[in-house]
Amino acid sequence: MPHHHRSRGFTLIEVAFVVAILAALGALAYASVGRLRPRAQLASSAEELQSLLHGARQQALASGHPVAVLFFPDFANGDGQGRVIVYEDGQFDFFSTGAVNFDAYNPGSPASAALSQVVATFDLPRGILLGPVDGMGASAALAAPWDGIDVTRACSFCTTSGARRGAIVFDPRGRASFYSQNGPRMDVQKGGSLTIHAPELGSASRTLVITSSAGAVRAYING
């Protein structure tokens, strides 16, 4: 008589063991992705800010109008904290007492005066903030030709009390000046800087440095 061989199935213990292994692998993969995501967001945010600055300078050169990059680091943007607005100042009066001016500007409802326009708006994603407070470090200094630019603050041209804000303005020749309020530009000879970080990454941050004379922008990776 022919012999019939019965296929052996999996026992419940074997199935449970496989499921446990898959769950452990999934948890490891999720943790790994969770660690990578803040670093990727930090890098992409720095790239976006650098692109906005380059774009603002090109807009000033092309339009013949000053173009301001406005920073509102404490603004709650719905998902995270921090809003950046690029504003073309066709009236040449944004930092005076015009109907639309920097001191009274509401980042939650971007407005523009006649002949002016809001060119772009960028919100920092959740978990990415202006900082740390001491920028690249309390004793940090850059090598030439970037030496003399203050990188020891989160934003070298922003106010430090009240509703923090600051602005970089590119003139029609591409040069950069810096403002923390209405009135004359800040007395900055070499340039300015700003630093963003993801607090959960510890000391990792990205610093953007902008020169006054040429409006050049350079990014530094810290940690």
Foldseek 3Di string as FASTA:
>chain_A
DDDDDDDDDDDPVRVVVVVVVVVVVVVVVVVVVVVVVQVVLQVVVVVVVQVVLVVQLVCQQVVQFKKKWKKQQQPQPPAAGIKIWIKTQQPNDQLHPDPHHDAPADPVDGDHDPRMDTDDMDDRHHQKGQDDQQALDCPDADDPPQGPERRGGQWPQWDDDDRIMKMWMQHNQSFIFIHHHRDDTDPRQFWIKHKMHRVVVPFWIKMWTAGGPHRDIDIDTRD
